[in-house]
Amino acid sequence: MVIGAGPVGCVAALAHARAGARVLLLEANPDAARRLAGEWLHPLGLSVLHDLGLDPSEHSRFDSGHGFAVFPDDGSAPVVLPYASGSRGWSGEHCALVGALREAASAQPEVTYLPGTRATGIDGQCVSFQRTGSNAVVRVTADHIVAADGRSSCGRVALGLSTDRVTLSRMAGLRLRTREMPFEGYGHVFLSGPGPMLAYRIAEDEVRLCMDLPLRASASPGTLHEAYGPALPESLRPSFEAALQ
């Protein structure tokens, strides 16, 4: 039983199925894959997909995954940090990656994928779950249970792990229309704003910009422009301003 059909859940389902197990893969909210989420895989993560016969980069017509360029907060020259030995990672659309992984998992005869199905409890090796729109509770016993459905997982409760949360910051995301990056193929980390920013390519003409916001900071376009705009290189400011507008 794998609870959660995000990247980790799908990979766990695929790996177990190819090792001979029958797998039930549950996903409570398939549309959640469209949210702002991680879209950069380090080389080790990419190698895991390659071992399973999957290659997200085959559909990417742009250069990415070389490493990171860090722009210090003192205005000094950027520090370029390529991955060791020429190894490559990958960046792209999160929902495209998840969609491809769900398709690959569903194609396995040993995997039964149930979208719109929420795990409601775990008692020993028995998992209870419900389909969206149904009041019926189904219970299935599994030899192994993988909880890959995030910090609200009922797996945490079953294991006696704390569910307490402390919010440290928030995040704002923009899609910048640009074909030029200061270091093409690299993730860019900017450190001179109220919080760090991360930018990386997700399409031939688009860059994802993630801004870490202090809890008391406003996420209004005007505030973001004033607080984070000066920390960006000149080449990215026009697309940043256009995205805010």
C-alpha atoms as a PDB file:
ATOM      1  CA  MET A   1       0.000   0.000   0.000  1.00  0.00           C
ATOM      2  CA  VAL A   2       1.354   3.408  -1.014  1.00  0.00           C
ATOM      3  CA  ILE A   3      -0.520   6.445   0.296  1.00  0.00           C
ATOM      4  CA  GLY A   4       0.093   9.478  -1.910  1.00  0.00           C
ATOM      5  CA  ALA A   5       0.805   9.485  -5.661  1.00  0.00           C
ATOM      6  CA  GLY A   6       3.267  12.344  -5.817  1.00  0.00           C
ATOM      7  CA  PRO A   7       6.842  11.819  -7.072  1.00  0.00           C
ATOM      8  CA  VAL A   8       7.955   9.753  -4.051  1.00  0.00           C
ATOM      9  CA  GLY A   9       4.768   7.693  -3.901  1.00  0.00           C
ATOM     10  CA  CYS A  10       4.816   6.862  -7.605  1.00  0.00           C
ATOM     11  CA  VAL A  11       8.484   5.890  -7.503  1.00  0.00           C
ATOM     12  CA  ALA A  12       7.858   3.705  -4.439  1.00  0.00           C
ATOM     13  CA  ALA A  13       4.936   2.004  -6.210  1.00  0.00           C
ATOM     14  CA  LEU A  14       7.009   1.396  -9.350  1.00  0.00           C
ATOM     15  CA  ALA A  15       9.996   0.049  -7.430  1.00  0.00           C
ATOM     16  CA  HIS A  16       7.887  -2.355  -5.358  1.00  0.00           C
ATOM     17  CA  ALA A  17       5.916  -3.533  -8.408  1.00  0.00           C
ATOM     18  CA  ARG A  18       9.076  -4.260 -10.358  1.00  0.00           C
ATOM     19  CA  ALA A  19      10.369  -6.202  -7.364  1.00  0.00           C
ATOM     20  CA  GLY A  20       7.312  -8.471  -7.607  1.00  0.00           C
ATOM     21  CA  ALA A  21       4.821  -6.883  -5.210  1.00  0.00           C
ATOM     22  CA  ARG A  22       1.164  -6.115  -5.869  1.00  0.00           C
ATOM     23  CA  VAL A  23       0.656  -2.432  -5.039  1.00  0.00           C
ATOM     24  CA  LEU A  24      -2.390  -0.336  -4.212  1.00  0.00           C
ATOM     25  CA  LEU A  25      -1.582   3.345  -4.868  1.00  0.00           C
ATOM     26  CA  LEU A  26      -3.920   5.950  -3.338  1.00  0.00           C
ATOM     27  CA  GLU A  27      -4.135   9.661  -4.164  1.00  0.00           C
ATOM     28  CA  ALA A  28      -6.603  11.879  -2.300  1.00  0.00           C
ATOM     29  CA  ASN A  29      -6.324  14.994  -4.475  1.00  0.00           C
ATOM     30  CA  PRO A  30      -4.883  14.446  -7.972  1.00  0.00           C
ATOM     31  CA  ASP A  31      -5.243  18.153  -8.824  1.00  0.00           C
ATOM     32  CA  ALA A  32      -2.806  19.092  -6.034  1.00  0.00           C
ATOM     33  CA  ALA A  33       0.008  18.384  -8.509  1.00  0.00           C
ATOM     34  CA  ARG A  34      -0.831  21.704 -10.193  1.00  0.00           C
ATOM     35  CA  ARG A  35       0.242  23.732  -7.167  1.00  0.00           C
ATOM     36  CA  LEU A  36       3.572  25.536  -6.791  1.00  0.00           C
ATOM     37  CA  ALA A  37       5.911  22.718  -5.821  1.00  0.00           C
ATOM     38  CA  GLY A  38       9.412  21.336  -6.265  1.00  0.00           C
ATOM     39  CA  GLU A  39      10.470  21.052  -9.888  1.00  0.00           C
ATOM     40  CA  TRP A  40      14.255  20.624  -9.671  1.00  0.00           C
ATOM     41  CA  LEU A  41      15.735  17.132  -9.368  1.00  0.00           C
ATOM     42  CA  HIS A  42      19.335  16.680  -8.255  1.00  0.00           C
ATOM     43  CA  PRO A  43      21.462  14.121 -10.169  1.00  0.00           C
ATOM     44  CA  LEU A  44      20.831  11.387  -7.591  1.00  0.00           C
ATOM     45  CA  GLY A  45      17.072  11.811  -7.924  1.00  0.00           C
ATOM     46  CA  LEU A  46      17.340  11.731 -11.711  1.00  0.00           C
ATOM     47  CA  SER A  47      19.418   8.539 -11.538  1.00  0.00           C
ATOM     48  CA  VAL A  48      16.649   6.878  -9.497  1.00  0.00           C
ATOM     49  CA  LEU A  49      14.215   7.603 -12.332  1.00  0.00           C
ATOM     50  CA  HIS A  50      16.719   6.351 -14.910  1.00  0.00           C
ATOM     51  CA  ASP A  51      17.040   3.080 -12.963  1.00  0.00           C
ATOM     52  CA  LEU A  52      13.267   2.690 -13.358  1.00  0.00           C
ATOM     53  CA  GLY A  53      13.484   3.377 -17.096  1.00  0.00           C
ATOM     54  CA  LEU A  54      12.120   6.927 -16.830  1.00  0.00           C
ATOM     55  CA  ASP A  55      13.724  10.070 -18.219  1.00  0.00           C
ATOM     56  CA  PRO A  56      11.836  13.378 -17.761  1.00  0.00           C
ATOM     57  CA  SER A  57      14.493  15.251 -19.725  1.00  0.00           C
ATOM     58  CA  GLU A  58      13.521  13.546 -22.982  1.00  0.00           C
ATOM     59  CA  HIS A  59      10.569  15.954 -23.211  1.00  0.00           C
ATOM     60  CA  SER A  60      12.559  19.056 -22.186  1.00  0.00           C
ATOM     61  CA  ARG A  61      13.810  21.145 -25.071  1.00  0.00           C
ATOM     62  CA  PHE A  62      15.934  23.432 -22.926  1.00  0.00           C
ATOM     63  CA  ASP A  63      19.194  23.314 -21.019  1.00  0.00           C
ATOM     64  CA  SER A  64      18.960  22.662 -17.277  1.00  0.00           C
ATOM     65  CA  GLY A  65      20.330  20.672 -14.368  1.00  0.00           C
ATOM     66  CA  HIS A  66      23.987  21.765 -14.422  1.00  0.00           C
ATOM     67  CA  GLY A  67      24.119  23.018 -10.824  1.00  0.00           C
ATOM     68  CA  PHE A  68      23.580  26.363  -9.105  1.00  0.00           C
ATOM     69  CA  ALA A  69      24.768  29.959  -9.338  1.00  0.00           C
ATOM     70  CA  VAL A  70      24.626  31.862  -6.048  1.00  0.00           C
ATOM     71  CA  PHE A  71      24.362  35.664  -6.059  1.00  0.00           C
ATOM     72  CA  PRO A  72      25.732  36.879  -2.658  1.00  0.00           C
ATOM     73  CA  ASP A  73      24.015  39.609  -0.663  1.00  0.00           C
ATOM     74  CA  ASP A  74      27.149  41.805  -0.610  1.00  0.00           C
ATOM     75  CA  GLY A  75      27.065  42.492  -4.347  1.00  0.00           C
ATOM     76  CA  SER A  76      30.160  40.407  -5.072  1.00  0.00           C
ATOM     77  CA  ALA A  77      30.477  38.216  -8.162  1.00  0.00           C
ATOM     78  CA  PRO A  78      28.150  35.189  -8.449  1.00  0.00           C
ATOM     79  CA  VAL A  79      29.517  31.849  -7.256  1.00  0.00           C
ATOM     80  CA  VAL A  80      28.922  29.103  -9.825  1.00  0.00           C
ATOM     81  CA  LEU A  81      28.601  25.600  -8.356  1.00  0.00           C
ATOM     82  CA  PRO A  82      28.371  22.922 -11.065  1.00  0.00           C
ATOM     83  CA  TYR A  83      27.492  19.384 -10.125  1.00  0.00           C
ATOM     84  CA  ALA A  84      30.495  17.109  -9.701  1.00  0.00           C
ATOM     85  CA  SER A  85      31.970  15.181 -12.620  1.00  0.00           C
ATOM     86  CA  GLY A  86      29.610  16.672 -15.156  1.00  0.00           C
ATOM     87  CA  SER A  87      26.546  14.967 -13.664  1.00  0.00           C
ATOM     88  CA  ARG A  88      23.172  16.488 -14.511  1.00  0.00           C
ATOM     89  CA  GLY A  89      19.917  17.166 -12.752  1.00  0.00           C
ATOM     90  CA  TRP A  90      16.612  18.250 -14.265  1.00  0.00           C
ATOM     91  CA  SER A  91      14.087  21.055 -13.955  1.00  0.00           C
ATOM     92  CA  GLY A  92      10.626  21.409 -15.462  1.00  0.00           C
ATOM     93  CA  GLU A  93       6.931  21.566 -14.682  1.00  0.00           C
ATOM     94  CA  HIS A  94       5.973  19.756 -11.482  1.00  0.00           C
ATOM     95  CA  CYS A  95       2.570  18.663 -12.794  1.00  0.00           C
ATOM     96  CA  ALA A  96       4.169  17.242 -15.968  1.00  0.00           C
ATOM     97  CA  LEU A  97       6.629  15.209 -13.900  1.00  0.00           C
ATOM     98  CA  VAL A  98       3.908  13.870 -11.593  1.00  0.00           C
ATOM     99  CA  GLY A  99       1.646  13.102 -14.546  1.00  0.00           C
ATOM    100  CA  ALA A 100       4.361  11.068 -16.258  1.00  0.00           C
ATOM    101  CA  LEU A 101       5.112   9.141 -13.061  1.00  0.00           C
ATOM    102  CA  ARG A 102       1.438   8.362 -12.431  1.00  0.00           C
ATOM    103  CA  GLU A 103       1.080   7.159 -16.015  1.00  0.00           C
ATOM    104  CA  ALA A 104       4.139   4.916 -15.660  1.00  0.00           C
ATOM    105  CA  ALA A 105       2.885   3.481 -12.365  1.00  0.00           C
ATOM    106  CA  SER A 106      -0.626   2.888 -13.731  1.00  0.00           C
ATOM    107  CA  ALA A 107       0.834   1.049 -16.721  1.00  0.00           C
ATOM    108  CA  GLN A 108       2.283  -1.605 -14.416  1.00  0.00           C
ATOM    109  CA  PRO A 109      -0.087  -4.618 -14.195  1.00  0.00           C
ATOM    110  CA  GLU A 110       0.891  -5.025 -10.534  1.00  0.00           C
ATOM    111  CA  VAL A 111      -0.179  -1.469  -9.603  1.00  0.00           C
ATOM    112  CA  THR A 112      -3.787  -0.459  -8.961  1.00  0.00           C
ATOM    113  CA  TYR A 113      -4.017   3.338  -8.937  1.00  0.00           C
ATOM    114  CA  LEU A 114      -7.016   4.871  -7.147  1.00  0.00           C
ATOM    115  CA  PRO A 115      -7.243   8.661  -7.684  1.00  0.00           C
ATOM    116  CA  GLY A 116      -9.654  10.575  -5.489  1.00  0.00           C
ATOM    117  CA  THR A 117      -9.108   8.140  -2.620  1.00  0.00           C
ATOM    118  CA  ARG A 118      -8.130   9.308   0.869  1.00  0.00           C
ATOM    119  CA  ALA A 119      -6.555   7.130   3.551  1.00  0.00           C
ATOM    120  CA  THR A 120      -8.452   7.782   6.784  1.00  0.00           C
ATOM    121  CA  GLY A 121      -6.621   5.600   9.262  1.00  0.00           C
ATOM    122  CA  ILE A 122      -4.028   2.907   9.874  1.00  0.00           C
ATOM    123  CA  ASP A 123      -4.440   0.149  12.441  1.00  0.00           C
ATOM    124  CA  GLY A 124      -1.446  -2.166  12.434  1.00  0.00           C
ATOM    125  CA  GLN A 125      -1.148  -3.345   8.816  1.00  0.00           C
ATOM    126  CA  CYS A 126      -4.747  -2.410   7.964  1.00  0.00           C
ATOM    127  CA  VAL A 127      -5.425   0.808   6.053  1.00  0.00           C
ATOM    128  CA  SER A 128      -8.904   2.379   5.891  1.00  0.00           C
ATOM    129  CA  PHE A 129      -9.766   4.613   2.948  1.00  0.00           C
ATOM    130  CA  GLN A 130     -12.691   6.318   1.215  1.00  0.00           C
ATOM    131  CA  ARG A 131     -13.366   7.317  -2.383  1.00  0.00           C
ATOM    132  CA  THR A 132     -14.433  10.918  -3.077  1.00  0.00           C
ATOM    133  CA  GLY A 133     -18.211  11.209  -2.950  1.00  0.00           C
ATOM    134  CA  SER A 134     -18.685   7.887  -1.175  1.00  0.00           C
ATOM    135  CA  ASN A 135     -19.481   7.204   2.487  1.00  0.00           C
ATOM    136  CA  ALA A 136     -18.268   3.627   2.233  1.00  0.00           C
ATOM    137  CA  VAL A 137     -15.081   2.847   4.160  1.00  0.00           C
ATOM    138  CA  VAL A 138     -12.820   0.192   2.643  1.00  0.00           C
ATOM    139  CA  ARG A 139     -10.197  -1.644   4.692  1.00  0.00           C
ATOM    140  CA  VAL A 140      -7.202  -3.398   3.150  1.00  0.00           C
ATOM    141  CA  THR A 141      -4.376  -5.260   4.854  1.00  0.00           C
ATOM    142  CA  ALA A 142      -0.908  -4.786   3.350  1.00  0.00           C
ATOM    143  CA  ASP A 143       2.464  -6.337   4.148  1.00  0.00           C
ATOM    144  CA  HIS A 144       4.144  -2.949   3.724  1.00  0.00           C
ATOM    145  CA  ILE A 145       2.673   0.547   4.029  1.00  0.00           C
ATOM    146  CA  VAL A 146       4.398   3.589   2.547  1.00  0.00           C
ATOM    147  CA  ALA A 147       3.047   6.965   3.695  1.00  0.00           C
ATOM    148  CA  ALA A 148       4.052   9.510   1.052  1.00  0.00           C
ATOM    149  CA  ASP A 149       1.215  11.975   1.436  1.00  0.00           C
ATOM    150  CA  GLY A 150       2.883  14.860   3.238  1.00  0.00           C
ATOM    151  CA  ARG A 151       2.982  16.294   6.714  1.00  0.00           C
ATOM    152  CA  SER A 152      -0.753  15.695   7.367  1.00  0.00           C
ATOM    153  CA  SER A 153      -0.390  11.960   6.725  1.00  0.00           C
ATOM    154  CA  CYS A 154      -2.309   9.523   8.893  1.00  0.00           C
ATOM    155  CA  GLY A 155       0.930   7.540   8.736  1.00  0.00           C
ATOM    156  CA  ARG A 156       2.519  10.062  11.081  1.00  0.00           C
ATOM    157  CA  VAL A 157      -0.259   9.489  13.593  1.00  0.00           C
ATOM    158  CA  ALA A 158       0.060   5.703  13.278  1.00  0.00           C
ATOM    159  CA  LEU A 159       3.803   5.929  13.947  1.00  0.00           C
ATOM    160  CA  GLY A 160       3.330   8.227  16.939  1.00  0.00           C
ATOM    161  CA  LEU A 161       5.160  11.114  15.266  1.00  0.00           C
ATOM    162  CA  SER A 162       4.370  14.676  16.216  1.00  0.00           C
ATOM    163  CA  THR A 163       1.954  16.596  14.005  1.00  0.00           C
ATOM    164  CA  ASP A 164       2.881  19.958  15.542  1.00  0.00           C
ATOM    165  CA  ARG A 165       3.827  22.603  13.003  1.00  0.00           C
ATOM    166  CA  VAL A 166       5.733  25.857  13.167  1.00  0.00           C
ATOM    167  CA  THR A 167       5.420  28.151  10.149  1.00  0.00           C
ATOM    168  CA  LEU A 168       8.764  29.846   9.514  1.00  0.00           C
ATOM    169  CA  SER A 169       7.968  31.686   6.294  1.00  0.00           C
ATOM    170  CA  ARG A 170       5.746  31.674   3.230  1.00  0.00           C
ATOM    171  CA  MET A 171       6.528  31.468  -0.464  1.00  0.00           C
ATOM    172  CA  ALA A 172       5.411  33.450  -3.487  1.00  0.00           C
ATOM    173  CA  GLY A 173       5.937  32.124  -6.995  1.00  0.00           C
ATOM    174  CA  LEU A 174       6.007  33.779 -10.410  1.00  0.00           C
ATOM    175  CA  ARG A 175       6.401  32.528 -13.961  1.00  0.00           C
ATOM    176  CA  LEU A 176       8.818  34.809 -15.817  1.00  0.00           C
ATOM    177  CA  ARG A 177       8.594  34.907 -19.604  1.00  0.00           C
ATOM    178  CA  THR A 178      12.233  34.965 -20.684  1.00  0.00           C
ATOM    179  CA  ARG A 179      14.627  32.992 -22.852  1.00  0.00           C
ATOM    180  CA  GLU A 180      17.727  34.372 -21.140  1.00  0.00           C
ATOM    181  CA  MET A 181      19.271  33.573 -17.776  1.00  0.00           C
ATOM    182  CA  PRO A 182      22.644  34.890 -16.517  1.00  0.00           C
ATOM    183  CA  PHE A 183      23.884  31.280 -16.282  1.00  0.00           C
ATOM    184  CA  GLU A 184      21.728  29.231 -18.603  1.00  0.00           C
ATOM    185  CA  GLY A 185      21.143  25.679 -17.422  1.00  0.00           C
ATOM    186  CA  TYR A 186      21.758  26.545 -13.757  1.00  0.00           C
ATOM    187  CA  GLY A 187      19.450  27.182 -10.840  1.00  0.00           C
ATOM    188  CA  HIS A 188      19.919  30.751  -9.590  1.00  0.00           C
ATOM    189  CA  VAL A 189      19.924  31.646  -5.875  1.00  0.00           C
ATOM    190  CA  PHE A 190      19.607  35.354  -4.984  1.00  0.00           C
ATOM    191  CA  LEU A 191      20.420  36.316  -1.387  1.00  0.00           C
ATOM    192  CA  SER A 192      20.016  40.096  -1.140  1.00  0.00           C
ATOM    193  CA  GLY A 193      16.234  40.372  -0.673  1.00  0.00           C
ATOM    194  CA  PRO A 194      14.139  40.070   2.518  1.00  0.00           C
ATOM    195  CA  GLY A 195      14.361  36.319   1.937  1.00  0.00           C
ATOM    196  CA  PRO A 196      16.253  34.162  -0.562  1.00  0.00           C
ATOM    197  CA  MET A 197      14.956  33.640  -4.092  1.00  0.00           C
ATOM    198  CA  LEU A 198      15.370  30.629  -6.354  1.00  0.00           C
ATOM    199  CA  ALA A 199      14.950  30.771 -10.140  1.00  0.00           C
ATOM    200  CA  TYR A 200      15.176  27.917 -12.633  1.00  0.00           C
ATOM    201  CA  ARG A 201      13.925  27.141 -16.105  1.00  0.00           C
ATOM    202  CA  ILE A 202      10.693  25.153 -16.518  1.00  0.00           C
ATOM    203  CA  ALA A 203      10.134  25.717 -20.259  1.00  0.00           C
ATOM    204  CA  GLU A 204      11.962  27.079 -23.291  1.00  0.00           C
ATOM    205  CA  ASP A 205      10.596  30.559 -22.611  1.00  0.00           C
ATOM    206  CA  GLU A 206       9.675  30.383 -18.909  1.00  0.00           C
ATOM    207  CA  VAL A 207      11.523  30.578 -15.604  1.00  0.00           C
ATOM    208  CA  ARG A 208      10.034  29.775 -12.204  1.00  0.00           C
ATOM    209  CA  LEU A 209      10.930  32.360  -9.545  1.00  0.00           C
ATOM    210  CA  CYS A 210      10.280  31.376  -5.906  1.00  0.00           C
ATOM    211  CA  MET A 211      10.526  34.090  -3.238  1.00  0.00           C
ATOM    212  CA  ASP A 212      10.806  33.222   0.434  1.00  0.00           C
ATOM    213  CA  LEU A 213       8.615  35.694   2.361  1.00  0.00           C
ATOM    214  CA  PRO A 214       9.068  36.554   6.043  1.00  0.00           C
ATOM    215  CA  LEU A 215       5.823  35.920   7.925  1.00  0.00           C
ATOM    216  CA  ARG A 216       4.992  39.612   8.338  1.00  0.00           C
ATOM    217  CA  ALA A 217       5.850  40.558   4.755  1.00  0.00           C
ATOM    218  CA  SER A 218       3.107  41.529   2.328  1.00  0.00           C
ATOM    219  CA  ALA A 219       2.701  39.505  -0.863  1.00  0.00           C
ATOM    220  CA  SER A 220       1.208  42.420  -2.802  1.00  0.00           C
ATOM    221  CA  PRO A 221       2.765  43.028  -6.243  1.00  0.00           C
ATOM    222  CA  GLY A 222       3.963  46.472  -5.217  1.00  0.00           C
ATOM    223  CA  THR A 223       5.733  45.190  -2.116  1.00  0.00           C
ATOM    224  CA  LEU A 224       7.324  42.296  -3.990  1.00  0.00           C
ATOM    225  CA  HIS A 225       8.578  44.672  -6.669  1.00  0.00           C
ATOM    226  CA  GLU A 226      10.109  47.048  -4.154  1.00  0.00           C
ATOM    227  CA  ALA A 227      11.593  44.392  -1.869  1.00  0.00           C
ATOM    228  CA  TYR A 228      12.843  41.762  -4.310  1.00  0.00           C
ATOM    229  CA  GLY A 229      13.285  43.555  -7.635  1.00  0.00           C
ATOM    230  CA  PRO A 230      16.641  45.207  -6.757  1.00  0.00           C
ATOM    231  CA  ALA A 231      18.092  41.782  -5.860  1.00  0.00           C
ATOM    232  CA  LEU A 232      17.546  40.471  -9.403  1.00  0.00           C
ATOM    233  CA  PRO A 233      19.989  40.945 -12.296  1.00  0.00           C
ATOM    234  CA  GLU A 234      19.058  43.643 -14.808  1.00  0.00           C
ATOM    235  CA  SER A 235      18.292  41.007 -17.442  1.00  0.00           C
ATOM    236  CA  LEU A 236      15.468  39.475 -15.359  1.00  0.00           C
ATOM    237  CA  ARG A 237      13.813  42.656 -14.088  1.00  0.00           C
ATOM    238  CA  PRO A 238      11.594  43.354 -17.150  1.00  0.00           C
ATOM    239  CA  SER A 239      10.063  39.862 -17.053  1.00  0.00           C
ATOM    240  CA  PHE A 240       9.746  40.118 -13.242  1.00  0.00           C
ATOM    241  CA  GLU A 241       7.819  43.384 -13.545  1.00  0.00           C
ATOM    242  CA  ALA A 242       5.636  41.997 -16.333  1.00  0.00           C
ATOM    243  CA  ALA A 243       4.762  38.932 -14.241  1.00  0.00           C
ATOM    244  CA  LEU A 244       3.816  41.120 -11.257  1.00  0.00           C
ATOM    245  CA  GLN A 245       1.583  43.257 -13.462  1.00  0.00           C
END
